[in-house]
Amino acid sequence: MGARKRLAADKRKEEKKQQYFAVLKNCPTSPRKMRLIADLVRGMEVNKALDVLKFSSKEASNRVEKLLLSAVANWQAKNEGVRLEDNELYVKTIMVDSGRILKRLRPAPQGRAHRIRKRSNHVTIYVDRKENVVEENLNS
């Protein structure tokens, strides 16, 4: 690895230390259904987002709720001694990407077969403090 690549990798690694996120991989729900839930909580404060997810009737909301709690726990681990109630955490970004697709065959009339695609997805949630947004806007 050259010096330029190493410096870029070190820079990316340092930036990751300042971000608070959680990742869910290969969740057995179609990405389209998961994006409906992701759109509900994008940009919300964490407490309000947890309430919305808790009372949502969609099955995917349970998984996103657990993932959001994990992201908040990751924030607490990196900010020891800071109270969660004092900081206004919000869902900075939430991304839903397609995961692996299991392909199955279903019998069809006249000796044919239809392909069934069982989709899965990857979900990534980033949380941040509201104060960081104000500081970034002032700097730029």
N, C-alpha and C. Protein backbone atom coordinates (compact mmCIF):
# COMPACT_ATOMS: atom_id res chain seq x y z
N MET A 1 0.85 -1.18 0.00
CA MET A 1 0.00 0.00 0.00
C MET A 1 0.89 1.24 0.00
N GLY A 2 0.58 2.15 -0.91
CA GLY A 2 1.37 3.37 -1.01
C GLY A 2 1.02 4.35 0.10
N ALA A 3 1.83 5.38 0.19
CA ALA A 3 1.64 6.37 1.24
C ALA A 3 0.33 7.12 1.08
N ARG A 4 -0.02 7.45 -0.16
CA ARG A 4 -1.25 8.21 -0.41
C ARG A 4 -2.48 7.41 0.01
N LYS A 5 -2.50 6.12 -0.35
CA LYS A 5 -3.63 5.27 0.03
C LYS A 5 -3.69 5.07 1.54
N ARG A 6 -2.54 4.93 2.17
CA ARG A 6 -2.50 4.73 3.62
C ARG A 6 -3.02 5.97 4.33
N LEU A 7 -2.62 7.15 3.85
CA LEU A 7 -3.10 8.39 4.46
C LEU A 7 -4.61 8.54 4.29
N ALA A 8 -5.11 8.20 3.11
CA ALA A 8 -6.55 8.27 2.88
C ALA A 8 -7.30 7.29 3.76
N ALA A 9 -6.75 6.08 3.92
CA ALA A 9 -7.40 5.08 4.77
C ALA A 9 -7.39 5.52 6.23
N ASP A 10 -6.28 6.11 6.69
CA ASP A 10 -6.21 6.61 8.06
C ASP A 10 -7.21 7.74 8.29
N LYS A 11 -7.37 8.60 7.29
CA LYS A 11 -8.32 9.70 7.39
C LYS A 11 -9.75 9.17 7.49
N ARG A 12 -10.09 8.18 6.67
CA ARG A 12 -11.42 7.57 6.73
C ARG A 12 -11.67 6.91 8.08
N LYS A 13 -10.63 6.26 8.60
CA LYS A 13 -10.76 5.59 9.90
C LYS A 13 -11.00 6.59 11.02
N GLU A 14 -10.32 7.74 10.98
CA GLU A 14 -10.53 8.78 11.99
C GLU A 14 -11.93 9.38 11.89
N GLU A 15 -12.42 9.56 10.66
CA GLU A 15 -13.78 10.08 10.48
C GLU A 15 -14.82 9.11 11.02
N LYS A 16 -14.57 7.80 10.88
CA LYS A 16 -15.51 6.80 11.39
C LYS A 16 -15.61 6.86 12.91
N LYS A 17 -14.52 7.25 13.58
CA LYS A 17 -14.53 7.32 15.04
C LYS A 17 -15.46 8.43 15.53
N GLN A 18 -15.69 9.43 14.70
CA GLN A 18 -16.55 10.55 15.08
C GLN A 18 -18.02 10.31 14.70
N GLN A 19 -18.31 9.19 14.03
CA GLN A 19 -19.68 8.88 13.61
C GLN A 19 -20.24 7.79 14.51
N TYR A 20 -21.55 7.86 14.72
CA TYR A 20 -22.22 6.90 15.59
C TYR A 20 -23.27 6.19 14.75
N PHE A 21 -23.08 4.86 14.56
CA PHE A 21 -23.96 4.15 13.64
C PHE A 21 -24.13 2.70 14.07
N ALA A 22 -25.10 2.04 13.45
CA ALA A 22 -25.33 0.61 13.64
C ALA A 22 -25.75 0.04 12.29
N VAL A 23 -25.39 -1.22 12.04
CA VAL A 23 -25.66 -1.86 10.76
C VAL A 23 -26.38 -3.18 10.99
N LEU A 24 -27.40 -3.42 10.20
CA LEU A 24 -28.12 -4.70 10.21
C LEU A 24 -27.94 -5.32 8.83
N LYS A 25 -27.38 -6.52 8.78
CA LYS A 25 -27.10 -7.16 7.49
C LYS A 25 -28.01 -8.37 7.29
N ASN A 26 -28.36 -8.61 6.03
CA ASN A 26 -29.16 -9.76 5.61
C ASN A 26 -30.44 -9.93 6.41
N CYS A 27 -31.17 -8.85 6.55
CA CYS A 27 -32.47 -8.88 7.21
C CYS A 27 -33.49 -9.47 6.22
N PRO A 28 -34.22 -10.53 6.59
CA PRO A 28 -35.08 -11.21 5.63
C PRO A 28 -36.41 -10.49 5.37
N THR A 29 -36.31 -9.26 4.93
CA THR A 29 -37.47 -8.47 4.52
C THR A 29 -37.09 -7.80 3.20
N SER A 30 -38.05 -7.60 2.34
CA SER A 30 -37.70 -6.97 1.07
C SER A 30 -37.30 -5.52 1.32
N PRO A 31 -36.36 -5.00 0.55
CA PRO A 31 -35.90 -3.63 0.74
C PRO A 31 -37.03 -2.61 0.57
N ARG A 32 -37.96 -2.91 -0.30
CA ARG A 32 -39.07 -1.98 -0.55
C ARG A 32 -39.93 -1.80 0.71
N LYS A 33 -40.19 -2.89 1.42
CA LYS A 33 -40.97 -2.80 2.65
C LYS A 33 -40.19 -2.10 3.76
N MET A 34 -38.87 -2.35 3.79
CA MET A 34 -38.04 -1.74 4.83
C MET A 34 -37.89 -0.23 4.60
N ARG A 35 -37.86 0.19 3.33
CA ARG A 35 -37.73 1.62 3.03
C ARG A 35 -38.95 2.41 3.50
N LEU A 36 -40.12 1.79 3.52
CA LEU A 36 -41.31 2.46 4.04
C LEU A 36 -41.11 2.85 5.50
N ILE A 37 -40.52 1.96 6.27
CA ILE A 37 -40.26 2.23 7.69
C ILE A 37 -39.13 3.25 7.83
N ALA A 38 -38.09 3.12 7.00
CA ALA A 38 -36.95 4.04 7.07
C ALA A 38 -37.39 5.47 6.79
N ASP A 39 -38.31 5.64 5.84
CA ASP A 39 -38.79 6.98 5.51
C ASP A 39 -39.58 7.61 6.66
N LEU A 40 -40.19 6.77 7.51
CA LEU A 40 -40.95 7.30 8.64
C LEU A 40 -40.06 8.00 9.65
N VAL A 41 -38.86 7.45 9.91
CA VAL A 41 -38.03 7.94 11.01
C VAL A 41 -36.86 8.80 10.57
N ARG A 42 -36.63 8.95 9.28
CA ARG A 42 -35.49 9.73 8.79
C ARG A 42 -35.60 11.18 9.27
N GLY A 43 -34.56 11.66 9.96
CA GLY A 43 -34.51 13.04 10.42
C GLY A 43 -35.22 13.30 11.74
N MET A 44 -35.85 12.31 12.34
CA MET A 44 -36.58 12.49 13.60
C MET A 44 -35.63 12.44 14.79
N GLU A 45 -36.10 13.00 15.91
CA GLU A 45 -35.38 12.82 17.15
C GLU A 45 -35.52 11.36 17.57
N VAL A 46 -34.54 10.86 18.31
CA VAL A 46 -34.48 9.44 18.62
C VAL A 46 -35.69 8.99 19.45
N ASN A 47 -36.06 9.76 20.45
CA ASN A 47 -37.18 9.34 21.31
C ASN A 47 -38.48 9.29 20.52
N LYS A 48 -38.70 10.27 19.67
CA LYS A 48 -39.91 10.29 18.85
C LYS A 48 -39.89 9.14 17.84
N ALA A 49 -38.73 8.87 17.26
CA ALA A 49 -38.61 7.78 16.29
C ALA A 49 -38.88 6.43 16.95
N LEU A 50 -38.39 6.25 18.19
CA LEU A 50 -38.66 4.99 18.90
C LEU A 50 -40.15 4.82 19.17
N ASP A 51 -40.84 5.90 19.50
CA ASP A 51 -42.28 5.83 19.72
C ASP A 51 -43.01 5.46 18.43
N VAL A 52 -42.62 6.07 17.33
CA VAL A 52 -43.26 5.78 16.04
C VAL A 52 -43.05 4.32 15.66
N LEU A 53 -41.82 3.82 15.87
CA LEU A 53 -41.52 2.45 15.51
C LEU A 53 -42.25 1.45 16.41
N LYS A 54 -42.37 1.80 17.69
CA LYS A 54 -43.01 0.89 18.63
C LYS A 54 -44.48 0.67 18.29
N PHE A 55 -45.16 1.73 17.84
CA PHE A 55 -46.59 1.63 17.58
C PHE A 55 -46.93 1.44 16.10
N SER A 56 -45.92 1.18 15.28
CA SER A 56 -46.17 0.89 13.87
C SER A 56 -46.62 -0.57 13.73
N SER A 57 -47.54 -0.81 12.81
CA SER A 57 -48.06 -2.17 12.63
C SER A 57 -47.21 -3.00 11.67
N LYS A 58 -46.22 -2.41 11.04
CA LYS A 58 -45.36 -3.13 10.10
C LYS A 58 -44.39 -4.04 10.85
N GLU A 59 -44.11 -5.21 10.28
CA GLU A 59 -43.20 -6.15 10.92
C GLU A 59 -41.77 -5.62 10.94
N ALA A 60 -41.39 -4.90 9.90
CA ALA A 60 -40.02 -4.40 9.78
C ALA A 60 -39.69 -3.37 10.86
N SER A 61 -40.71 -2.74 11.45
CA SER A 61 -40.45 -1.69 12.44
C SER A 61 -39.78 -2.25 13.69
N ASN A 62 -40.04 -3.52 14.04
CA ASN A 62 -39.38 -4.11 15.21
C ASN A 62 -37.88 -4.19 15.01
N ARG A 63 -37.46 -4.58 13.82
CA ARG A 63 -36.03 -4.70 13.54
C ARG A 63 -35.35 -3.34 13.51
N VAL A 64 -36.02 -2.35 12.93
CA VAL A 64 -35.44 -1.00 12.87
C VAL A 64 -35.36 -0.40 14.28
N GLU A 65 -36.34 -0.70 15.11
CA GLU A 65 -36.33 -0.20 16.49
C GLU A 65 -35.12 -0.75 17.24
N LYS A 66 -34.86 -2.05 17.12
CA LYS A 66 -33.70 -2.64 17.78
C LYS A 66 -32.40 -2.06 17.23
N LEU A 67 -32.36 -1.80 15.93
CA LEU A 67 -31.17 -1.24 15.32
C LEU A 67 -30.92 0.19 15.81
N LEU A 68 -31.99 0.96 15.96
CA LEU A 68 -31.87 2.33 16.46
C LEU A 68 -31.37 2.33 17.91
N LEU A 69 -31.87 1.40 18.71
CA LEU A 69 -31.38 1.29 20.09
C LEU A 69 -29.91 0.92 20.12
N SER A 70 -29.49 0.09 19.17
CA SER A 70 -28.07 -0.27 19.08
C SER A 70 -27.22 0.93 18.70
N ALA A 71 -27.71 1.76 17.78
CA ALA A 71 -26.97 2.96 17.39
C ALA A 71 -26.85 3.93 18.56
N VAL A 72 -27.90 4.05 19.35
CA VAL A 72 -27.86 4.92 20.54
C VAL A 72 -26.86 4.35 21.55
N ALA A 73 -26.83 3.04 21.72
CA ALA A 73 -25.86 2.41 22.64
C ALA A 73 -24.44 2.65 22.15
N ASN A 74 -24.23 2.62 20.84
CA ASN A 74 -22.89 2.91 20.29
C ASN A 74 -22.51 4.36 20.57
N TRP A 75 -23.48 5.28 20.50
CA TRP A 75 -23.21 6.68 20.82
C TRP A 75 -22.81 6.81 22.28
N GLN A 76 -23.52 6.09 23.16
CA GLN A 76 -23.21 6.16 24.59
C GLN A 76 -21.83 5.57 24.89
N ALA A 77 -21.45 4.52 24.17
CA ALA A 77 -20.15 3.89 24.40
C ALA A 77 -19.01 4.84 24.03
N LYS A 78 -19.21 5.64 22.99
CA LYS A 78 -18.16 6.57 22.56
C LYS A 78 -18.18 7.87 23.36
N ASN A 79 -19.28 8.16 24.06
CA ASN A 79 -19.42 9.39 24.84
C ASN A 79 -19.71 9.04 26.29
N GLU A 80 -18.73 8.41 26.96
CA GLU A 80 -18.92 8.02 28.35
C GLU A 80 -18.98 9.25 29.24
N GLY A 81 -19.85 9.21 30.23
CA GLY A 81 -19.98 10.32 31.17
C GLY A 81 -20.90 11.43 30.69
N VAL A 82 -21.44 11.32 29.47
CA VAL A 82 -22.36 12.32 28.94
C VAL A 82 -23.77 11.74 29.02
N ARG A 83 -24.70 12.55 29.53
CA ARG A 83 -26.07 12.06 29.68
C ARG A 83 -26.80 12.10 28.34
N LEU A 84 -27.54 11.04 28.09
CA LEU A 84 -28.30 10.93 26.85
C LEU A 84 -29.42 11.96 26.80
N GLU A 85 -30.04 12.25 27.95
CA GLU A 85 -31.17 13.17 28.00
C GLU A 85 -30.76 14.61 27.69
N ASP A 86 -29.51 14.96 28.02
CA ASP A 86 -29.04 16.32 27.77
C ASP A 86 -28.77 16.58 26.29
N ASN A 87 -28.47 15.55 25.54
CA ASN A 87 -28.14 15.70 24.14
C ASN A 87 -29.34 15.32 23.28
N GLU A 88 -29.63 16.15 22.33
CA GLU A 88 -30.76 15.90 21.45
C GLU A 88 -30.28 15.06 20.27
N LEU A 89 -30.35 13.74 20.43
CA LEU A 89 -29.94 12.84 19.35
C LEU A 89 -31.04 12.75 18.32
N TYR A 90 -30.66 12.64 17.06
CA TYR A 90 -31.64 12.47 15.99
C TYR A 90 -31.07 11.48 14.97
N VAL A 91 -31.95 10.95 14.14
CA VAL A 91 -31.55 10.01 13.10
C VAL A 91 -30.99 10.84 11.95
N LYS A 92 -29.67 10.85 11.82
CA LYS A 92 -29.02 11.67 10.80
C LYS A 92 -29.29 11.10 9.41
N THR A 93 -28.94 9.84 9.20
CA THR A 93 -29.25 9.17 7.93
C THR A 93 -29.65 7.74 8.23
N ILE A 94 -30.48 7.20 7.36
CA ILE A 94 -30.83 5.78 7.41
C ILE A 94 -30.87 5.30 5.98
N MET A 95 -30.10 4.25 5.71
CA MET A 95 -29.99 3.73 4.35
C MET A 95 -30.44 2.28 4.32
N VAL A 96 -31.19 1.93 3.31
CA VAL A 96 -31.63 0.54 3.11
C VAL A 96 -31.12 0.10 1.74
N ASP A 97 -30.26 -0.90 1.74
CA ASP A 97 -29.70 -1.43 0.50
C ASP A 97 -30.14 -2.88 0.33
N SER A 98 -30.14 -3.34 -0.90
CA SER A 98 -30.52 -4.71 -1.18
C SER A 98 -29.43 -5.66 -0.69
N GLY A 99 -29.85 -6.75 -0.08
CA GLY A 99 -28.92 -7.78 0.37
C GLY A 99 -28.93 -8.95 -0.60
N ARG A 100 -28.60 -10.12 -0.11
CA ARG A 100 -28.59 -11.29 -0.98
C ARG A 100 -30.03 -11.70 -1.32
N ILE A 101 -30.18 -12.35 -2.45
CA ILE A 101 -31.48 -12.81 -2.91
C ILE A 101 -31.43 -14.32 -3.04
N LEU A 102 -32.31 -15.02 -2.31
CA LEU A 102 -32.42 -16.46 -2.42
C LEU A 102 -33.38 -16.77 -3.55
N LYS A 103 -32.95 -17.59 -4.48
CA LYS A 103 -33.79 -17.90 -5.64
C LYS A 103 -34.37 -19.29 -5.49
N ARG A 104 -35.69 -19.39 -5.62
CA ARG A 104 -36.41 -20.65 -5.49
C ARG A 104 -37.27 -20.85 -6.73
N LEU A 105 -37.68 -22.09 -6.97
CA LEU A 105 -38.55 -22.39 -8.10
C LEU A 105 -39.90 -22.85 -7.59
N ARG A 106 -40.97 -22.35 -8.20
CA ARG A 106 -42.32 -22.75 -7.86
C ARG A 106 -42.94 -23.40 -9.09
N PRO A 107 -43.54 -24.56 -8.93
CA PRO A 107 -44.17 -25.22 -10.08
C PRO A 107 -45.28 -24.37 -10.68
N ALA A 108 -45.36 -24.37 -12.00
CA ALA A 108 -46.37 -23.61 -12.73
C ALA A 108 -47.09 -24.57 -13.69
N PRO A 109 -48.20 -24.13 -14.26
CA PRO A 109 -48.96 -25.02 -15.15
C PRO A 109 -48.16 -25.45 -16.38
N GLN A 110 -48.54 -26.58 -16.94
CA GLN A 110 -48.00 -27.13 -18.17
C GLN A 110 -46.49 -27.39 -18.10
N GLY A 111 -46.03 -27.86 -16.93
CA GLY A 111 -44.63 -28.26 -16.79
C GLY A 111 -43.64 -27.12 -16.67
N ARG A 112 -44.11 -25.93 -16.54
CA ARG A 112 -43.19 -24.79 -16.41
C ARG A 112 -42.83 -24.56 -14.94
N ALA A 113 -41.92 -23.61 -14.72
CA ALA A 113 -41.54 -23.23 -13.36
C ALA A 113 -41.35 -21.72 -13.31
N HIS A 114 -41.84 -21.12 -12.24
CA HIS A 114 -41.65 -19.68 -12.02
C HIS A 114 -40.60 -19.50 -10.94
N ARG A 115 -39.76 -18.49 -11.13
CA ARG A 115 -38.71 -18.21 -10.16
C ARG A 115 -39.26 -17.30 -9.06
N ILE A 116 -39.04 -17.68 -7.82
CA ILE A 116 -39.41 -16.88 -6.66
C ILE A 116 -38.13 -16.28 -6.10
N ARG A 117 -38.12 -14.97 -5.90
CA ARG A 117 -36.95 -14.29 -5.35
C ARG A 117 -37.25 -13.85 -3.92
N LYS A 118 -36.56 -14.48 -2.96
CA LYS A 118 -36.72 -14.11 -1.55
C LYS A 118 -35.64 -13.07 -1.24
N ARG A 119 -36.07 -11.85 -1.10
CA ARG A 119 -35.13 -10.74 -0.95
C ARG A 119 -34.76 -10.50 0.50
N SER A 120 -33.59 -9.91 0.69
CA SER A 120 -33.16 -9.47 2.01
C SER A 120 -32.53 -8.09 1.84
N ASN A 121 -32.20 -7.44 2.95
CA ASN A 121 -31.66 -6.09 2.85
C ASN A 121 -30.63 -5.82 3.94
N HIS A 122 -29.90 -4.74 3.73
CA HIS A 122 -28.95 -4.22 4.71
C HIS A 122 -29.43 -2.84 5.12
N VAL A 123 -29.47 -2.58 6.44
CA VAL A 123 -29.92 -1.28 6.94
C VAL A 123 -28.78 -0.66 7.74
N THR A 124 -28.52 0.62 7.52
CA THR A 124 -27.50 1.37 8.25
C THR A 124 -28.13 2.63 8.81
N ILE A 125 -27.96 2.85 10.11
CA ILE A 125 -28.51 4.05 10.78
C ILE A 125 -27.36 4.84 11.38
N TYR A 126 -27.34 6.15 11.09
CA TYR A 126 -26.40 7.07 11.72
C TYR A 126 -27.18 8.00 12.63
N VAL A 127 -26.72 8.16 13.88
CA VAL A 127 -27.33 9.13 14.80
C VAL A 127 -26.30 10.20 15.11
N ASP A 128 -26.79 11.38 15.45
CA ASP A 128 -25.90 12.49 15.77
C ASP A 128 -26.63 13.46 16.69
N ARG A 129 -25.88 14.39 17.26
CA ARG A 129 -26.49 15.41 18.11
C ARG A 129 -26.94 16.59 17.26
N LYS A 130 -27.99 17.27 17.71
CA LYS A 130 -28.50 18.45 16.99
C LYS A 130 -27.46 19.57 17.00
N GLU A 131 -26.66 19.66 18.06
CA GLU A 131 -25.67 20.73 18.18
C GLU A 131 -24.61 20.62 17.09
N ASN A 132 -24.27 19.38 16.69
CA ASN A 132 -23.26 19.20 15.64
C ASN A 132 -23.74 19.79 14.31
N VAL A 133 -25.02 19.74 14.06
CA VAL A 133 -25.56 20.28 12.80
C VAL A 133 -25.39 21.78 12.80
N VAL A 134 -25.68 22.43 13.92
CA VAL A 134 -25.56 23.89 13.99
C VAL A 134 -24.10 24.29 13.81
N GLU A 135 -23.17 23.55 14.45
CA GLU A 135 -21.74 23.87 14.32
C GLU A 135 -21.26 23.70 12.88
N GLU A 136 -21.72 22.64 12.19
CA GLU A 136 -21.29 22.41 10.81
C GLU A 136 -21.81 23.51 9.89
N ASN A 137 -23.03 23.98 10.13
CA ASN A 137 -23.59 25.03 9.29
C ASN A 137 -22.86 26.35 9.50
N LEU A 138 -22.42 26.60 10.73
CA LEU A 138 -21.68 27.84 11.00
C LEU A 138 -20.30 27.82 10.35
N ASN A 139 -19.67 26.64 10.32
CA ASN A 139 -18.33 26.53 9.75
C ASN A 139 -18.34 26.64 8.23
N SER A 140 -19.40 26.24 7.57
CA SER A 140 -19.40 26.29 6.11
C SER A 140 -20.03 27.53 5.56
